[in-house]
Protein backbone atom coordinates (compact mmCIF):
# COMPACT_ATOMS: atom_id res chain seq x y z
CA MET A 1 -148.86 312.72 194.73
CA ALA A 2 -146.28 311.57 196.64
CA SER A 3 -142.42 311.65 194.47
CA PRO A 4 -141.87 308.26 192.67
CA ARG A 5 -138.61 307.81 194.95
CA ASP A 6 -141.09 307.78 197.91
CA ILE A 7 -143.62 305.54 196.38
CA ILE A 8 -140.34 303.20 195.89
CA LEU A 9 -139.26 303.63 199.62
CA GLU A 10 -142.66 303.66 200.92
CA VAL A 11 -143.62 299.58 199.23
CA ALA A 12 -140.70 298.55 200.17
CA LYS A 13 -141.07 299.25 203.77
CA LYS A 14 -144.43 298.24 203.41
CA GLY A 15 -143.31 294.90 201.39
CA GLY A 16 -141.07 293.73 204.25
CA PHE A 17 -138.13 293.93 201.32
CA PRO A 18 -134.68 294.32 202.67
CA MET A 19 -134.23 298.41 204.12
CA PRO A 20 -132.09 300.43 203.34
CA LEU A 21 -132.41 300.30 199.56
CA LYS A 22 -129.31 300.82 197.69
CA GLU A 23 -129.19 304.19 195.29
CA LEU A 24 -128.60 301.72 191.96
CA GLN A 25 -132.04 300.04 193.27
CA ILE A 26 -133.76 302.96 193.64
CA GLU A 27 -132.45 304.68 190.12
CA ALA A 28 -133.37 301.60 188.18
CA LEU A 29 -136.71 301.69 189.90
CA LEU A 30 -137.47 305.38 188.87
CA CYS A 31 -136.48 304.00 185.53
CA VAL A 32 -139.59 301.11 186.07
CA ILE A 33 -141.74 303.82 187.06
CA GLU A 34 -140.42 305.90 183.55
CA LYS A 35 -141.44 302.42 181.86
CA ARG A 36 -137.78 302.68 180.12
CA ASP A 37 -135.80 299.55 179.97
CA ILE A 38 -132.60 298.85 182.08
CA MET A 39 -129.73 297.14 181.90
CA ALA A 40 -128.38 296.60 185.47
CA ILE A 41 -124.75 295.43 185.92
CA LEU A 42 -123.85 294.94 189.56
CA PRO A 43 -122.10 293.37 191.49
CA THR A 44 -122.52 288.97 193.10
CA GLY A 45 -124.45 290.10 196.52
CA TYR A 46 -125.45 293.56 195.57
CA GLY A 47 -129.46 292.41 195.33
CA LYS A 48 -130.21 292.80 191.49
CA SER A 49 -133.05 290.41 192.01
CA LEU A 50 -134.54 292.88 194.45
CA ILE A 51 -135.36 295.06 191.72
CA TYR A 52 -137.28 292.99 189.94
CA GLN A 53 -139.45 291.55 192.76
CA LEU A 54 -139.99 295.31 193.64
CA ALA A 55 -140.92 296.22 190.09
CA PRO A 56 -144.38 295.14 189.49
CA LEU A 57 -145.26 295.91 193.42
CA ILE A 58 -144.49 299.54 192.58
CA LEU A 59 -146.00 299.90 188.95
CA LYS A 60 -149.13 298.62 190.62
CA ASP A 61 -149.22 300.92 193.39
CA TYR A 62 -147.82 304.04 190.78
CA TYR A 63 -150.55 303.36 188.32
CA ASN A 64 -153.38 302.06 190.57
CA LEU A 65 -153.25 298.37 188.23
CA GLN A 66 -155.72 295.95 189.38
CA LYS A 67 -153.37 293.15 189.10
CA SER A 68 -149.75 293.20 188.34
CA VAL A 69 -147.79 290.91 186.90
CA CYS A 70 -143.86 290.61 186.41
CA ILE A 71 -142.55 286.99 183.99
CA VAL A 72 -139.06 286.74 185.31
CA LEU A 73 -136.75 284.74 182.92
CA THR A 74 -133.80 282.76 184.57
CA PRO A 75 -131.65 279.70 183.82
CA LEU A 76 -131.77 278.06 186.67
CA ASN A 77 -134.13 276.20 189.02
CA SER A 78 -132.26 276.98 191.86
CA ILE A 79 -132.49 280.56 191.42
CA MET A 80 -136.41 280.36 191.19
CA GLN A 81 -136.88 278.18 193.92
CA ASP A 82 -134.88 280.33 196.60
CA GLN A 83 -136.17 283.30 195.58
CA ILE A 84 -139.90 281.52 195.63
CA ILE A 85 -139.75 280.65 199.17
CA ALA A 86 -138.25 284.17 199.62
CA LEU A 87 -140.77 286.19 198.75
CA GLN A 88 -143.65 283.78 200.09
CA LYS A 89 -142.41 284.08 203.23
CA ILE A 90 -143.27 288.47 203.56
CA GLY A 91 -146.44 287.86 201.48
CA VAL A 92 -145.39 288.22 197.65
CA GLN A 93 -147.26 285.64 195.36
CA ALA A 94 -144.83 283.86 193.12
CA CYS A 95 -144.74 280.70 191.42
CA CYS A 96 -142.39 279.04 188.61
CA VAL A 97 -143.18 276.96 185.54
CA ASP A 98 -141.55 274.07 185.22
CA TYR A 99 -139.33 273.60 182.07
CA ASN A 100 -141.99 271.65 179.75
CA CYS A 101 -144.47 274.64 181.43
CA GLN A 102 -146.72 271.04 181.93
CA GLY A 103 -147.59 273.12 185.43
CA GLY A 104 -146.68 275.66 187.87
CA GLN A 105 -145.03 275.22 191.29
CA ALA A 106 -144.96 277.38 194.28
CA LEU A 107 -143.14 276.62 196.95
CA PHE A 108 -142.78 276.89 200.92
CA ASP A 109 -140.26 276.30 204.36
CA ASP A 110 -142.08 273.59 205.66
CA ASP A 111 -142.04 274.87 208.97
CA GLY A 112 -145.59 276.59 207.44
CA ASP A 113 -148.99 275.00 207.57
CA GLU A 114 -149.48 274.59 204.18
CA GLY A 115 -150.06 270.91 202.41
CA GLY A 116 -148.09 269.73 199.65
CA ALA A 117 -145.45 267.25 198.78
CA LYS A 118 -141.82 267.86 200.36
CA SER A 119 -138.93 267.76 198.94
CA ASP A 120 -135.78 268.49 200.96
CA GLY A 121 -137.17 270.59 203.47
CA ASP A 122 -139.67 272.25 201.19
CA VAL A 123 -143.19 272.16 200.73
CA ILE A 124 -143.72 272.26 196.84
CA LEU A 125 -147.73 273.35 196.02
CA THR A 126 -148.94 272.51 192.70
CA VAL A 127 -150.59 275.70 190.46
CA PRO A 128 -153.54 275.68 188.09
CA MET A 129 -151.54 276.93 184.93
CA SER A 130 -155.32 278.90 184.85
CA ASP A 131 -154.22 280.61 188.09
CA ILE A 132 -151.26 281.94 186.47
CA ALA A 133 -153.17 283.38 183.66
CA ASP A 134 -155.87 284.88 185.82
CA GLY A 135 -152.74 287.07 187.42
CA LYS A 136 -152.77 285.68 190.61
CA PHE A 137 -149.21 285.48 190.95
CA THR A 138 -147.18 288.84 191.25
CA LEU A 139 -143.86 287.03 189.79
CA VAL A 140 -144.02 284.49 187.56
CA TYR A 141 -140.36 282.67 187.02
CA SER A 142 -139.61 280.34 183.85
CA HIS A 143 -137.44 278.92 182.02
CA PRO A 144 -137.14 280.66 178.49
CA GLU A 145 -138.04 277.48 177.07
CA ALA A 146 -141.15 276.78 178.89
CA LEU A 147 -142.50 279.83 177.15
CA LEU A 148 -141.06 280.35 173.72
CA SER A 149 -141.08 276.38 172.27
CA THR A 150 -143.90 274.99 174.14
CA ASP A 151 -148.00 275.44 173.62
CA THR A 152 -149.04 275.61 177.34
CA GLY A 153 -146.32 278.51 177.39
CA LYS A 154 -147.44 280.23 174.35
CA SER A 155 -151.05 280.01 175.31
CA LEU A 156 -150.01 281.40 179.02
CA ILE A 157 -148.53 284.27 177.15
CA GLN A 158 -151.18 285.00 175.00
CA ASN A 159 -153.59 284.93 177.79
CA LEU A 160 -151.42 287.11 180.15
CA GLU A 161 -151.22 289.63 177.31
CA ASN A 162 -155.15 289.65 176.16
CA LYS A 163 -155.19 290.47 179.75
CA LYS A 164 -152.97 293.34 180.15
CA ILE A 165 -151.38 291.90 183.20
CA ILE A 166 -148.09 291.77 182.14
CA SER A 167 -146.65 295.00 184.19
CA CYS A 168 -142.67 294.42 183.85
CA ILE A 169 -140.25 291.40 182.03
CA ALA A 170 -136.73 290.76 184.11
CA VAL A 171 -134.18 288.70 182.47
CA ASP A 172 -131.56 287.34 184.86
CA GLU A 173 -128.17 286.33 184.13
CA ALA A 174 -127.90 287.76 181.09
CA HIS A 175 -125.28 286.74 180.10
CA MET A 176 -125.96 283.72 178.99
CA ILE A 177 -128.05 284.82 176.43
CA LEU A 178 -124.62 285.01 174.80
CA GLU A 179 -122.49 282.47 176.11
CA TRP A 180 -125.42 279.97 175.69
CA GLY A 181 -127.64 281.53 173.18
CA GLN A 182 -125.90 280.33 169.85
CA GLN A 183 -125.39 276.37 170.69
CA PHE A 184 -126.73 275.20 174.25
CA ARG A 185 -130.36 276.60 174.71
CA GLN A 186 -130.53 278.52 171.52
CA ASP A 187 -134.11 280.01 172.84
CA PHE A 188 -132.24 282.66 174.85
CA SER A 189 -131.08 284.03 171.60
CA ARG A 190 -134.97 284.39 171.11
CA ILE A 191 -136.31 286.12 173.75
CA GLY A 192 -135.96 289.49 172.69
CA SER A 193 -137.92 288.81 168.75
CA ASP A 194 -140.39 285.91 169.96
CA LEU A 195 -141.11 287.72 173.22
CA LEU A 196 -140.05 290.94 174.27
CA ALA A 197 -141.08 292.33 170.68
CA ARG A 198 -144.59 291.96 171.42
CA PHE A 199 -144.63 294.07 174.50
CA THR A 200 -143.55 297.27 173.29
CA ASN A 201 -145.24 299.33 176.62
CA ILE A 202 -143.47 297.53 179.42
CA PRO A 203 -140.24 297.98 180.97
CA VAL A 204 -137.68 295.27 180.48
CA LEU A 205 -135.27 294.79 183.33
CA VAL A 206 -132.17 292.97 182.37
CA PHE A 207 -129.65 291.88 184.78
CA THR A 208 -125.87 290.41 185.18
CA ALA A 209 -123.40 291.19 187.42
CA THR A 210 -120.62 291.25 184.63
CA ALA A 211 -120.52 292.84 180.87
CA SER A 212 -117.87 294.27 179.00
CA PRO A 213 -119.01 297.06 176.57
CA ASP A 214 -118.88 294.86 173.76
CA ALA A 215 -120.94 291.97 175.60
CA GLN A 216 -123.34 295.03 176.65
CA LYS A 217 -124.14 296.10 172.95
CA LYS A 218 -124.86 292.48 171.84
CA THR A 219 -126.86 291.93 174.66
CA CYS A 220 -129.24 294.55 174.11
CA ALA A 221 -129.25 294.24 170.23
CA SER A 222 -130.41 290.06 171.01
CA LEU A 223 -133.04 291.75 173.68
CA GLN A 224 -134.57 294.57 171.02
CA LEU A 225 -134.11 296.73 174.19
CA LYS A 226 -135.06 300.59 173.23
CA THR A 227 -132.65 302.98 174.40
CA PRO A 228 -132.03 301.01 177.78
CA LYS A 229 -130.51 302.66 180.62
CA ILE A 230 -126.94 301.29 181.92
CA ILE A 231 -127.24 301.36 185.38
CA ALA A 232 -123.44 299.74 186.68
CA MET A 233 -120.81 300.23 189.09
CA ASN A 234 -117.45 299.19 188.99
CA PRO A 235 -117.29 295.09 189.80
CA ASP A 236 -113.93 294.95 191.77
CA ARG A 237 -114.06 293.28 194.78
CA PRO A 238 -111.45 294.67 196.87
CA ASN A 239 -111.72 291.45 199.96
CA ILE A 240 -110.70 288.61 196.92
CA LYS A 241 -107.29 288.39 196.79
CA TYR A 242 -106.46 286.76 192.88
CA ILE A 243 -103.64 284.21 192.68
CA LYS A 244 -102.26 281.91 189.71
CA THR A 245 -99.90 279.02 189.26
CA GLU A 246 -98.91 277.39 186.48
CA ARG A 247 -99.44 273.34 186.70
CA PRO A 248 -97.77 270.63 184.86
CA SER A 249 -98.47 269.53 181.90
CA SER A 250 -101.83 267.06 181.66
CA SER A 251 -99.85 264.16 181.34
CA ASN A 252 -98.98 264.99 185.16
CA THR A 253 -102.28 265.91 186.37
CA GLN A 254 -102.81 263.56 189.09
CA ASP A 255 -99.15 263.89 190.55
CA HIS A 256 -99.89 267.53 190.86
CA LEU A 257 -103.32 266.96 191.94
CA ASP A 258 -101.90 264.43 195.36
CA GLU A 259 -99.25 267.40 196.11
CA ILE A 260 -102.05 269.89 196.45
CA LEU A 261 -104.84 267.82 198.09
CA THR A 262 -103.41 265.96 200.69
CA PRO A 263 -102.53 269.85 202.72
CA MET A 264 -105.99 270.32 201.80
CA ALA A 265 -107.30 266.91 202.93
CA GLU A 266 -104.78 267.26 206.67
CA GLN A 267 -105.72 270.44 207.21
CA LEU A 268 -109.70 269.43 206.40
CA ILE A 269 -108.99 266.32 209.04
CA LYS A 270 -107.19 268.75 211.88
CA GLU A 271 -109.82 272.10 211.31
CA LYS A 272 -113.39 270.21 210.64
CA HIS A 273 -116.45 272.69 210.84
CA GLN A 274 -113.59 275.56 210.89
CA TYR A 275 -112.25 274.80 207.97
CA GLN A 276 -112.97 278.18 205.89
CA LEU A 277 -115.39 276.88 203.02
CA THR A 278 -113.77 276.05 199.73
CA ILE A 279 -115.63 275.67 196.24
CA MET A 280 -112.86 274.05 193.71
CA TYR A 281 -113.91 274.28 190.41
CA THR A 282 -113.10 271.54 187.80
CA ASP A 283 -114.01 269.11 185.22
CA THR A 284 -116.08 266.37 185.61
CA TYR A 285 -113.19 263.61 185.62
CA VAL A 286 -111.08 265.15 187.99
CA ILE A 287 -114.10 265.55 190.32
CA SER A 288 -113.98 262.06 190.32
CA TYR A 289 -110.37 261.61 191.24
CA VAL A 290 -110.23 263.92 193.56
CA TYR A 291 -113.46 262.90 195.47
CA ALA A 292 -112.10 259.74 195.74
CA PHE A 293 -109.00 260.70 196.61
CA PHE A 294 -110.49 262.56 200.16
CA GLU A 295 -112.46 259.24 201.15
CA LYS A 296 -109.25 257.14 200.86
CA LYS A 297 -107.30 259.91 202.78
CA MET A 298 -109.71 260.69 205.73
CA GLY A 299 -111.43 257.56 205.58
CA ASP A 300 -114.19 257.71 209.00
CA LEU A 301 -112.21 261.30 209.18
CA GLN A 302 -114.79 262.81 206.84
CA TYR A 303 -117.69 262.41 208.80
CA VAL A 304 -118.50 265.07 211.75
CA GLY A 305 -120.52 262.97 213.80
CA ASP A 306 -122.47 259.63 212.20
CA ALA A 307 -121.09 258.82 209.02
CA VAL A 308 -123.91 259.56 207.21
CA PRO A 309 -123.73 261.31 203.52
CA GLU A 310 -125.02 264.41 205.01
CA ASN A 311 -122.20 264.52 207.82
CA ARG A 312 -119.31 264.52 205.27
CA LEU A 313 -117.23 267.25 205.40
CA PHE A 314 -116.78 267.50 201.47
CA ALA A 315 -118.83 266.71 198.38
CA GLN A 316 -119.14 266.82 194.68
CA TYR A 317 -121.96 268.77 192.68
CA HIS A 318 -121.84 268.31 188.56
CA GLN A 319 -124.60 268.10 185.99
CA THR A 320 -125.43 264.77 186.64
CA TYR A 321 -126.38 265.07 190.19
CA THR A 322 -130.09 264.99 190.92
CA GLU A 323 -132.04 268.21 191.30
CA LYS A 324 -133.01 266.53 195.06
CA MET A 325 -128.96 266.07 195.76
CA LYS A 326 -128.23 269.63 193.89
CA ARG A 327 -130.35 271.26 195.99
CA HIS A 328 -129.72 270.15 199.56
CA ILE A 329 -125.64 270.73 198.88
CA VAL A 330 -126.85 274.76 197.98
CA LYS A 331 -129.40 274.78 200.59
CA GLU A 332 -126.14 273.23 203.07
CA LEU A 333 -123.79 275.80 201.50
CA CYS A 334 -125.97 278.27 202.20
CA LYS A 335 -126.14 278.10 206.06
CA GLU A 336 -124.46 280.26 208.50
CA ASN A 337 -122.27 276.68 209.82
CA SER A 338 -122.24 274.37 206.98
CA LYS A 339 -121.18 270.79 207.62
CA ILE A 340 -119.94 270.87 203.99
CA ARG A 341 -116.61 272.62 204.11
CA LEU A 342 -115.24 272.10 200.88
CA ILE A 343 -117.14 271.23 197.85
CA PHE A 344 -115.70 269.79 193.85
CA ALA A 345 -117.71 271.21 191.41
CA THR A 346 -118.46 272.19 187.85
CA VAL A 347 -119.31 275.71 187.36
CA ALA A 348 -122.97 273.82 187.46
CA LEU A 349 -122.76 275.20 190.97
CA GLY A 350 -122.86 279.22 190.92
CA MET A 351 -125.98 281.31 189.54
CA GLY A 352 -128.33 282.03 192.23
CA LEU A 353 -125.66 280.35 194.96
CA ASN A 354 -126.38 282.64 198.19
CA ALA A 355 -123.63 281.85 200.02
CA PRO A 356 -122.10 284.85 201.38
CA ASN A 357 -119.32 283.01 203.81
CA ILE A 358 -117.51 280.94 200.89
CA ARG A 359 -113.62 282.14 202.00
CA THR A 360 -111.67 280.31 198.77
CA VAL A 361 -113.07 279.70 195.21
CA ILE A 362 -110.49 277.46 193.17
CA HIS A 363 -110.18 276.76 189.59
CA TYR A 364 -108.24 273.63 188.10
CA LYS A 365 -107.87 275.13 184.79
CA PRO A 366 -109.18 278.49 184.16
CA PRO A 367 -112.68 279.36 182.39
CA THR A 368 -112.93 280.72 178.46
CA SER A 369 -113.32 283.90 179.87
CA ILE A 370 -112.52 286.44 181.75
CA GLU A 371 -116.38 287.43 182.24
CA LYS A 372 -116.78 283.85 183.49
CA TYR A 373 -113.97 283.85 185.42
CA PHE A 374 -114.72 286.82 186.99
CA GLN A 375 -118.45 285.68 187.62
CA GLU A 376 -117.34 282.61 189.11
CA THR A 377 -114.70 284.16 191.41
CA GLY A 378 -117.05 286.48 192.76
CA ARG A 379 -118.85 283.83 194.96
CA ALA A 380 -116.16 284.47 196.95
CA GLY A 381 -116.41 286.94 200.01
CA ARG A 382 -119.54 288.30 199.46
CA ASP A 383 -119.93 289.03 202.99
CA GLY A 384 -116.91 291.55 202.46
CA LEU A 385 -114.38 289.53 204.63
CA PRO A 386 -111.02 288.88 203.02
CA SER A 387 -111.24 286.35 200.43
CA THR A 388 -109.01 284.00 198.03
CA ALA A 389 -109.35 283.19 194.18
CA VAL A 390 -106.92 280.65 192.82
CA MET A 391 -106.14 279.67 189.30
CA TYR A 392 -104.31 276.39 188.22
CA TYR A 393 -103.38 276.42 185.04
CA ASN A 394 -101.14 274.74 182.00
CA ASN A 395 -100.33 275.41 178.11
CA THR A 396 -102.74 272.71 177.23
CA ASP A 397 -105.63 274.89 179.14
CA ILE A 398 -104.90 278.10 177.02
CA ARG A 399 -104.21 276.77 173.83
CA ARG A 400 -105.29 279.10 171.01
CA ASN A 401 -107.75 275.48 169.26
CA ARG A 402 -109.91 275.20 172.93
CA PRO A 403 -112.90 275.81 172.03
CA GLY A 404 -114.40 278.97 173.32
CA ILE A 405 -111.01 280.33 174.80
CA GLU A 406 -110.58 283.85 174.67
CA ARG A 407 -107.44 285.70 173.96
CA GLN A 408 -108.20 287.88 177.18
CA MET A 409 -107.86 285.09 179.44
CA ILE A 410 -104.81 283.23 177.59
CA GLN A 411 -103.60 287.24 178.00
CA TYR A 412 -104.85 286.77 181.50
CA CYS A 413 -102.61 283.60 182.24
CA LYS A 414 -99.72 284.77 180.56
CA ASN A 415 -98.88 287.82 182.14
CA SER A 416 -96.10 288.11 184.49
CA SER A 417 -95.77 291.81 184.99
CA LYS A 418 -98.91 293.65 185.38
CA CYS A 419 -101.68 293.67 188.06
CA MET A 420 -103.78 290.54 187.61
CA ARG A 421 -106.64 292.46 189.17
CA LEU A 422 -106.15 295.45 186.76
CA LEU A 423 -106.03 293.28 183.53
CA MET A 424 -109.44 291.75 184.83
CA LEU A 425 -110.97 295.62 185.40
CA GLU A 426 -110.16 296.55 182.18
CA CYS A 427 -111.88 294.14 180.17
CA PHE A 428 -114.98 296.23 181.57
CA GLY A 429 -113.84 299.70 181.61
CA TYR A 430 -112.78 299.90 184.51
CA SER A 431 -109.58 300.57 187.17
CA LYS A 432 -109.29 298.80 190.38
CA SER A 433 -110.24 300.96 193.54
CA GLU A 434 -107.91 303.48 195.01
CA ASN A 435 -108.29 301.67 198.51
CA ILE A 436 -106.33 298.42 197.02
CA ASP A 437 -103.66 297.37 199.07
CA ASN A 438 -101.16 296.04 197.02
CA ASN A 439 -100.03 293.23 199.22
CA LEU A 440 -103.83 291.78 199.42
CA CYS A 441 -104.18 292.63 195.83
CA CYS A 442 -102.48 289.60 193.44
CA SER A 443 -99.56 287.44 192.98
CA ILE A 444 -97.89 289.47 190.52
CA CYS A 445 -98.64 292.30 193.25
CA ASP A 446 -96.90 290.07 195.61
CA LYS A 447 -93.82 289.67 193.30
CA ASN A 448 -93.55 293.34 192.28
CA LEU A 449 -93.57 294.13 195.50
CA GLN A 450 -90.95 291.82 196.97
CA THR A 451 -88.52 292.76 193.26
CA THR A 452 -88.73 296.30 194.92
CA VAL A 453 -87.59 295.45 198.54
CA ASP A 454 -85.41 293.21 196.72
């Protein structure tokens, strides 16, 4: 019999998955074969999803299973949809169940011959719940709520359990368990007790881009993982330079916004589709202001070609947008030559965004934790090219009674002498890479270098 490593490589190659596999991907999949729980803490863009996409195929081959299903729990529709389309392209049967578990959907690119309804260029096929229960789909994506808080979802899990065809369960974006599980989407805190506890003989695969040692312990405990293997690497992103600037008090927000937005608008008018792709994260009320500012400042020059919304150089993205609009924006940003060059967004834009050439991420107000900030800035420079993360903050943003604000985030903003990169990495138990050029590291290192020269 071939070795486990050889089987992993052969299944990946035959399946049309991206090759070669990275060493930590292989290490994780070797644990899957051993039916050992894993928690993979790997940087944005490393290829975490490839691990759980391959897992049921490898388990089927290694253990000669007739059917092998992986349940993938993930918090966002966009993650499910993009991955299902990619899997269908290489012939892997994948589907998702909707939030209320009223039905299943499979998605295809519209260049195929499949029938079905179309949504923003994709073909959507309705999937009978009976087909999912029969194990006809290798990967079944779902929100936790669909499986834990609906009668249909509970019945689906019971049927799959009775037929013994669930070979593994994956929990993607696992940092949401601690961020959301107590107040916002409480079913995230029930994944361990109400679902995973029922499947004690199959591996559970948990994924996130960042997790402090304390967050690792709490997440593993919440999910009731059994002696999990922690697979991690230094999350440092040497190609990202970190810059922070104290902004005026909140009463002067509009004046300050005008000050920083004016050169951005002028540069966008001049460079158009050559403008470096930029995300500006901020609150909804600020988005409304900056969007109106750009419309007024740019006039007809906001379009490339005909004056239609699809040709606008900038866009806004927030929770109240329709799913169709959100999906259009995400798909456009992921194109190599996106028409959208600047987007004003809440943190609703982020998880599952596979846009490799974002050059700048701006925060006009810091998140409440270092983990959130590192996750969000990590959307810059996924292609490895030099990129920038800029943060504007004031004392109101980092007041101690701000809901959810963590001490480390306050210290990060107030810090005036220590390398910003190192300060963040120490929160995760790491140091910065040795090959970092201090000229390209952070604004504190810039200041320290200048002091040394003077």
